[in-house]
Amino acid sequence: MSFAFDYNLSVNKVFKPALFTGVITDCQAQNCIDVSRATKHNQAIPVHAKFQYFMLMCFYCCRLEHVVRTYTKIWLEGQPPDADMDQLTTKFQEQTDLFAKMHERFVEGHAHVKASLESYLCEH
């Protein structure tokens, strides 16, 4: 089961080609994406599509515990209901390739977010 490397930021919707003011740049742009939470009570947060990777990596790094918890829940739901805790623990720990890839993605994301923020701070 692939997880963290294909983990897509829940882009709630892509706005229709119209002008929106992006929350990062405060400039009007077309083809913005909505990165707000997926509830109807939240206000839309339009972000230009070029920031999608940044937003994905920022979410991944800041909410890593949520990502791991969600993966674990999905993984457990796919296991036999009669498996005992020892079997599940052993089977879960054997996913060393997955954990290595999750760590690599975290390091990559952290570096990208850090470099992006440092670049922004140097410009302003």
N, C-alpha and C. Protein backbone atom coordinates (compact mmCIF):
# COMPACT_ATOMS: atom_id res chain seq x y z
N MET A 1 0.85 -1.17 0.00
CA MET A 1 0.00 0.00 0.00
C MET A 1 0.89 1.24 0.00
N SER A 2 0.74 2.05 -1.00
CA SER A 2 1.47 3.31 -1.06
C SER A 2 0.76 4.31 -0.18
N PHE A 3 1.50 5.21 0.42
CA PHE A 3 0.82 6.14 1.28
C PHE A 3 1.41 7.52 1.24
N ALA A 4 2.47 7.73 1.96
CA ALA A 4 2.96 9.08 2.18
C ALA A 4 3.52 9.72 0.92
N PHE A 5 3.90 8.93 -0.03
CA PHE A 5 4.57 9.47 -1.21
C PHE A 5 3.56 9.86 -2.24
N ASP A 6 2.34 9.30 -2.12
CA ASP A 6 1.26 9.67 -3.00
C ASP A 6 0.21 10.45 -2.22
N TYR A 7 0.52 10.77 -0.98
CA TYR A 7 -0.43 11.44 -0.12
C TYR A 7 -0.70 12.82 -0.69
N ASN A 8 -1.89 13.01 -1.20
CA ASN A 8 -2.23 14.29 -1.82
C ASN A 8 -2.89 15.20 -0.82
N LEU A 9 -2.48 16.45 -0.87
CA LEU A 9 -3.15 17.44 -0.06
C LEU A 9 -4.59 17.46 -0.49
N SER A 10 -5.48 17.45 0.44
CA SER A 10 -6.87 17.46 0.11
C SER A 10 -7.21 18.81 -0.50
N VAL A 11 -7.03 18.91 -1.77
CA VAL A 11 -7.43 20.13 -2.45
C VAL A 11 -8.93 20.01 -2.62
N ASN A 12 -9.65 20.83 -1.87
CA ASN A 12 -11.10 20.70 -1.86
C ASN A 12 -11.71 20.97 -3.22
N LYS A 13 -11.18 21.94 -3.91
CA LYS A 13 -11.68 22.21 -5.25
C LYS A 13 -10.68 23.10 -5.95
N VAL A 14 -10.73 23.02 -7.24
CA VAL A 14 -9.97 23.95 -8.05
C VAL A 14 -10.97 24.98 -8.50
N PHE A 15 -10.68 26.23 -8.21
CA PHE A 15 -11.61 27.29 -8.58
C PHE A 15 -11.71 27.39 -10.09
N LYS A 16 -12.86 27.74 -10.57
CA LYS A 16 -13.05 27.95 -12.01
C LYS A 16 -12.13 29.07 -12.47
N PRO A 17 -11.78 29.07 -13.75
CA PRO A 17 -10.89 30.12 -14.26
C PRO A 17 -11.51 31.51 -14.07
N ALA A 18 -11.27 32.06 -12.96
CA ALA A 18 -11.70 33.42 -12.64
C ALA A 18 -10.63 34.03 -11.76
N LEU A 19 -10.70 35.30 -11.56
CA LEU A 19 -9.69 35.93 -10.73
C LEU A 19 -10.04 35.79 -9.25
N PHE A 20 -9.07 35.35 -8.48
CA PHE A 20 -9.18 35.27 -7.03
C PHE A 20 -7.95 35.92 -6.44
N THR A 21 -8.08 36.41 -5.25
CA THR A 21 -6.92 36.96 -4.57
C THR A 21 -6.31 35.85 -3.72
N GLY A 22 -5.11 35.46 -4.05
CA GLY A 22 -4.44 34.38 -3.32
C GLY A 22 -4.01 34.85 -1.94
N VAL A 23 -4.13 33.98 -0.96
CA VAL A 23 -3.80 34.37 0.41
C VAL A 23 -2.30 34.46 0.66
N ILE A 24 -1.49 33.82 -0.16
CA ILE A 24 -0.04 33.89 0.03
C ILE A 24 0.53 35.16 -0.59
N THR A 25 0.15 35.43 -1.83
CA THR A 25 0.74 36.56 -2.55
C THR A 25 -0.09 37.83 -2.45
N ASP A 26 -1.36 37.70 -2.06
CA ASP A 26 -2.28 38.83 -2.00
C ASP A 26 -2.45 39.47 -3.38
N CYS A 27 -2.21 38.69 -4.42
CA CYS A 27 -2.37 39.14 -5.80
C CYS A 27 -3.50 38.36 -6.44
N GLN A 28 -4.11 38.97 -7.43
CA GLN A 28 -5.15 38.27 -8.15
C GLN A 28 -4.53 37.27 -9.11
N ALA A 29 -5.14 36.10 -9.19
CA ALA A 29 -4.62 35.05 -10.06
C ALA A 29 -5.76 34.14 -10.50
N GLN A 30 -5.53 33.45 -11.60
CA GLN A 30 -6.48 32.44 -12.06
C GLN A 30 -5.98 31.07 -11.62
N ASN A 31 -6.85 30.09 -11.72
CA ASN A 31 -6.51 28.69 -11.43
C ASN A 31 -6.01 28.49 -10.01
N CYS A 32 -6.65 29.13 -9.07
CA CYS A 32 -6.29 28.94 -7.66
C CYS A 32 -6.88 27.61 -7.17
N ILE A 33 -6.30 27.09 -6.12
CA ILE A 33 -6.82 25.89 -5.47
C ILE A 33 -7.28 26.27 -4.07
N ASP A 34 -8.21 25.53 -3.54
CA ASP A 34 -8.74 25.77 -2.21
C ASP A 34 -8.06 24.81 -1.25
N VAL A 35 -7.31 25.34 -0.29
CA VAL A 35 -6.61 24.48 0.66
C VAL A 35 -7.23 24.54 2.05
N SER A 36 -8.48 24.97 2.13
CA SER A 36 -9.15 25.01 3.42
C SER A 36 -9.52 23.59 3.85
N ARG A 37 -9.96 23.47 5.08
CA ARG A 37 -10.41 22.17 5.55
C ARG A 37 -11.68 21.78 4.84
N ALA A 38 -11.92 20.52 4.72
CA ALA A 38 -13.05 20.02 3.93
C ALA A 38 -14.35 20.01 4.74
N THR A 39 -14.73 21.14 5.29
CA THR A 39 -16.02 21.27 5.95
C THR A 39 -16.73 22.47 5.37
N LYS A 40 -18.03 22.45 5.43
CA LYS A 40 -18.76 23.55 4.82
C LYS A 40 -18.77 24.80 5.69
N HIS A 41 -18.27 24.73 6.89
CA HIS A 41 -18.28 25.89 7.78
C HIS A 41 -17.01 26.72 7.67
N ASN A 42 -16.04 26.25 6.92
CA ASN A 42 -14.79 26.98 6.78
C ASN A 42 -14.83 27.86 5.53
N GLN A 43 -14.19 29.00 5.66
CA GLN A 43 -14.06 29.90 4.54
C GLN A 43 -13.03 29.35 3.56
N ALA A 44 -13.27 29.56 2.28
CA ALA A 44 -12.33 29.09 1.26
C ALA A 44 -11.00 29.82 1.41
N ILE A 45 -9.91 29.10 1.18
CA ILE A 45 -8.57 29.68 1.23
C ILE A 45 -7.95 29.47 -0.15
N PRO A 46 -8.09 30.48 -1.03
CA PRO A 46 -7.54 30.33 -2.38
C PRO A 46 -6.03 30.54 -2.40
N VAL A 47 -5.34 29.61 -3.03
CA VAL A 47 -3.89 29.68 -3.17
C VAL A 47 -3.58 29.38 -4.64
N HIS A 48 -2.68 30.15 -5.22
CA HIS A 48 -2.32 29.90 -6.61
C HIS A 48 -1.78 28.48 -6.73
N ALA A 49 -2.11 27.82 -7.83
CA ALA A 49 -1.74 26.42 -8.03
C ALA A 49 -0.24 26.18 -7.95
N LYS A 50 0.57 27.20 -8.23
CA LYS A 50 2.02 27.00 -8.19
C LYS A 50 2.51 26.74 -6.76
N PHE A 51 1.67 27.02 -5.75
CA PHE A 51 2.04 26.78 -4.36
C PHE A 51 1.53 25.44 -3.84
N GLN A 52 0.93 24.62 -4.71
CA GLN A 52 0.36 23.36 -4.25
C GLN A 52 1.41 22.45 -3.62
N TYR A 53 2.58 22.32 -4.24
CA TYR A 53 3.62 21.45 -3.68
C TYR A 53 4.09 21.98 -2.33
N PHE A 54 4.26 23.29 -2.24
CA PHE A 54 4.66 23.90 -0.96
C PHE A 54 3.62 23.58 0.11
N MET A 55 2.33 23.76 -0.22
CA MET A 55 1.27 23.51 0.76
C MET A 55 1.25 22.03 1.16
N LEU A 56 1.43 21.15 0.19
CA LEU A 56 1.47 19.71 0.48
C LEU A 56 2.60 19.39 1.44
N MET A 57 3.79 19.88 1.14
CA MET A 57 4.94 19.58 1.99
C MET A 57 4.81 20.23 3.37
N CYS A 58 4.26 21.44 3.40
CA CYS A 58 4.06 22.11 4.69
C CYS A 58 3.09 21.31 5.55
N PHE A 59 1.98 20.86 4.93
CA PHE A 59 1.02 20.04 5.66
C PHE A 59 1.66 18.74 6.14
N TYR A 60 2.40 18.11 5.24
CA TYR A 60 3.03 16.83 5.58
C TYR A 60 3.99 16.98 6.76
N CYS A 61 4.79 18.03 6.74
CA CYS A 61 5.77 18.24 7.82
C CYS A 61 5.09 18.65 9.13
N CYS A 62 4.14 19.55 9.03
CA CYS A 62 3.49 20.07 10.25
C CYS A 62 2.51 19.08 10.86
N ARG A 63 1.94 18.23 10.04
CA ARG A 63 0.93 17.31 10.54
C ARG A 63 1.36 15.85 10.37
N LEU A 64 2.65 15.59 10.52
CA LEU A 64 3.16 14.24 10.32
C LEU A 64 2.47 13.23 11.23
N GLU A 65 2.18 13.62 12.45
CA GLU A 65 1.51 12.68 13.36
C GLU A 65 0.14 12.32 12.82
N HIS A 66 -0.57 13.27 12.20
CA HIS A 66 -1.87 13.00 11.60
C HIS A 66 -1.72 12.05 10.40
N VAL A 67 -0.69 12.29 9.59
CA VAL A 67 -0.43 11.44 8.43
C VAL A 67 -0.17 10.00 8.87
N VAL A 68 0.69 9.83 9.86
CA VAL A 68 1.03 8.49 10.35
C VAL A 68 -0.19 7.83 11.00
N ARG A 69 -0.94 8.58 11.77
CA ARG A 69 -2.14 8.04 12.42
C ARG A 69 -3.16 7.59 11.36
N THR A 70 -3.35 8.40 10.33
CA THR A 70 -4.29 8.06 9.27
C THR A 70 -3.83 6.80 8.52
N TYR A 71 -2.53 6.75 8.19
CA TYR A 71 -1.99 5.57 7.52
C TYR A 71 -2.20 4.33 8.38
N THR A 72 -1.89 4.43 9.66
CA THR A 72 -2.01 3.29 10.57
C THR A 72 -3.46 2.80 10.63
N LYS A 73 -4.39 3.75 10.70
CA LYS A 73 -5.81 3.37 10.74
C LYS A 73 -6.21 2.64 9.46
N ILE A 74 -5.81 3.18 8.31
CA ILE A 74 -6.14 2.55 7.03
C ILE A 74 -5.49 1.16 6.93
N TRP A 75 -4.25 1.07 7.39
CA TRP A 75 -3.53 -0.21 7.35
C TRP A 75 -4.24 -1.24 8.24
N LEU A 76 -4.63 -0.84 9.45
CA LEU A 76 -5.30 -1.75 10.37
C LEU A 76 -6.64 -2.23 9.81
N GLU A 77 -7.35 -1.36 9.13
CA GLU A 77 -8.64 -1.75 8.56
C GLU A 77 -8.48 -2.82 7.48
N GLY A 78 -7.31 -2.90 6.88
CA GLY A 78 -7.06 -3.90 5.83
C GLY A 78 -6.51 -5.21 6.36
N GLN A 79 -6.35 -5.33 7.65
CA GLN A 79 -5.79 -6.55 8.24
C GLN A 79 -6.90 -7.51 8.65
N PRO A 80 -6.57 -8.80 8.76
CA PRO A 80 -7.58 -9.79 9.17
C PRO A 80 -8.13 -9.45 10.57
N PRO A 81 -9.42 -9.54 10.74
CA PRO A 81 -10.01 -9.19 12.04
C PRO A 81 -9.60 -10.12 13.17
N ASP A 82 -9.12 -11.33 12.85
CA ASP A 82 -8.75 -12.28 13.90
C ASP A 82 -7.27 -12.19 14.29
N ALA A 83 -6.53 -11.27 13.69
CA ALA A 83 -5.09 -11.14 14.01
C ALA A 83 -4.95 -10.56 15.42
N ASP A 84 -3.98 -11.11 16.17
CA ASP A 84 -3.76 -10.57 17.52
C ASP A 84 -2.74 -9.42 17.45
N MET A 85 -2.61 -8.73 18.56
CA MET A 85 -1.78 -7.52 18.62
C MET A 85 -0.31 -7.82 18.31
N ASP A 86 0.20 -8.95 18.77
CA ASP A 86 1.60 -9.32 18.50
C ASP A 86 1.84 -9.50 16.99
N GLN A 87 0.92 -10.19 16.34
CA GLN A 87 1.04 -10.38 14.89
C GLN A 87 0.99 -9.04 14.15
N LEU A 88 0.03 -8.22 14.54
CA LEU A 88 -0.11 -6.92 13.89
C LEU A 88 1.12 -6.03 14.10
N THR A 89 1.62 -6.03 15.31
CA THR A 89 2.79 -5.21 15.61
C THR A 89 4.00 -5.66 14.79
N THR A 90 4.21 -6.97 14.73
CA THR A 90 5.33 -7.51 13.96
C THR A 90 5.17 -7.18 12.48
N LYS A 91 3.98 -7.40 11.95
CA LYS A 91 3.72 -7.12 10.54
C LYS A 91 3.89 -5.63 10.23
N PHE A 92 3.42 -4.78 11.12
CA PHE A 92 3.54 -3.34 10.91
C PHE A 92 5.01 -2.91 10.92
N GLN A 93 5.79 -3.46 11.84
CA GLN A 93 7.20 -3.09 11.96
C GLN A 93 8.04 -3.58 10.78
N GLU A 94 7.54 -4.56 10.05
CA GLU A 94 8.29 -5.09 8.91
C GLU A 94 8.24 -4.18 7.68
N GLN A 95 7.54 -3.10 7.75
CA GLN A 95 7.40 -2.18 6.62
C GLN A 95 8.55 -1.16 6.58
N THR A 96 9.75 -1.65 6.69
CA THR A 96 10.90 -0.74 6.79
C THR A 96 11.07 0.13 5.55
N ASP A 97 10.77 -0.40 4.37
CA ASP A 97 10.86 0.41 3.14
C ASP A 97 9.89 1.58 3.19
N LEU A 98 8.69 1.32 3.65
CA LEU A 98 7.69 2.38 3.76
C LEU A 98 8.15 3.46 4.73
N PHE A 99 8.64 3.04 5.89
CA PHE A 99 9.07 4.01 6.88
C PHE A 99 10.26 4.83 6.37
N ALA A 100 11.16 4.18 5.65
CA ALA A 100 12.29 4.90 5.08
C ALA A 100 11.82 5.93 4.06
N LYS A 101 10.84 5.55 3.23
CA LYS A 101 10.31 6.48 2.24
C LYS A 101 9.56 7.63 2.90
N MET A 102 8.82 7.35 3.96
CA MET A 102 8.13 8.42 4.69
C MET A 102 9.14 9.40 5.26
N HIS A 103 10.24 8.87 5.79
CA HIS A 103 11.28 9.74 6.34
C HIS A 103 11.93 10.56 5.24
N GLU A 104 12.24 9.93 4.11
CA GLU A 104 12.82 10.66 2.98
C GLU A 104 11.90 11.78 2.52
N ARG A 105 10.61 11.49 2.44
CA ARG A 105 9.65 12.51 2.01
C ARG A 105 9.58 13.64 3.04
N PHE A 106 9.67 13.29 4.33
CA PHE A 106 9.66 14.33 5.36
C PHE A 106 10.89 15.22 5.23
N VAL A 107 12.06 14.62 5.04
CA VAL A 107 13.29 15.40 4.89
C VAL A 107 13.19 16.29 3.65
N GLU A 108 12.70 15.72 2.55
CA GLU A 108 12.52 16.49 1.32
C GLU A 108 11.55 17.65 1.54
N GLY A 109 10.43 17.37 2.18
CA GLY A 109 9.43 18.40 2.45
C GLY A 109 9.96 19.48 3.36
N HIS A 110 10.64 19.07 4.41
CA HIS A 110 11.21 20.04 5.35
C HIS A 110 12.20 20.96 4.64
N ALA A 111 13.05 20.38 3.81
CA ALA A 111 14.04 21.18 3.08
C ALA A 111 13.34 22.15 2.12
N HIS A 112 12.31 21.69 1.45
CA HIS A 112 11.59 22.55 0.51
C HIS A 112 10.89 23.71 1.23
N VAL A 113 10.20 23.40 2.31
CA VAL A 113 9.49 24.43 3.07
C VAL A 113 10.48 25.43 3.66
N LYS A 114 11.57 24.92 4.23
CA LYS A 114 12.58 25.79 4.82
C LYS A 114 13.20 26.71 3.76
N ALA A 115 13.58 26.13 2.63
CA ALA A 115 14.19 26.93 1.56
C ALA A 115 13.20 27.97 1.03
N SER A 116 11.94 27.59 0.88
CA SER A 116 10.93 28.52 0.39
C SER A 116 10.75 29.68 1.36
N LEU A 117 10.67 29.37 2.65
CA LEU A 117 10.48 30.43 3.64
C LEU A 117 11.72 31.32 3.75
N GLU A 118 12.89 30.72 3.70
CA GLU A 118 14.12 31.52 3.75
C GLU A 118 14.21 32.44 2.53
N SER A 119 13.84 31.93 1.37
CA SER A 119 13.86 32.75 0.15
C SER A 119 12.89 33.91 0.28
N TYR A 120 11.70 33.62 0.81
CA TYR A 120 10.69 34.66 0.98
C TYR A 120 11.18 35.71 1.99
N LEU A 121 11.77 35.26 3.09
CA LEU A 121 12.23 36.21 4.11
C LEU A 121 13.38 37.07 3.61
N CYS A 122 14.24 36.50 2.77
CA CYS A 122 15.35 37.27 2.22
C CYS A 122 14.85 38.34 1.25
N GLU A 123 13.75 38.06 0.57
CA GLU A 123 13.20 39.03 -0.37
C GLU A 123 12.42 40.13 0.31
N HIS A 124 11.93 39.88 1.51
CA HIS A 124 11.07 40.88 2.16
C HIS A 124 11.70 41.39 3.41
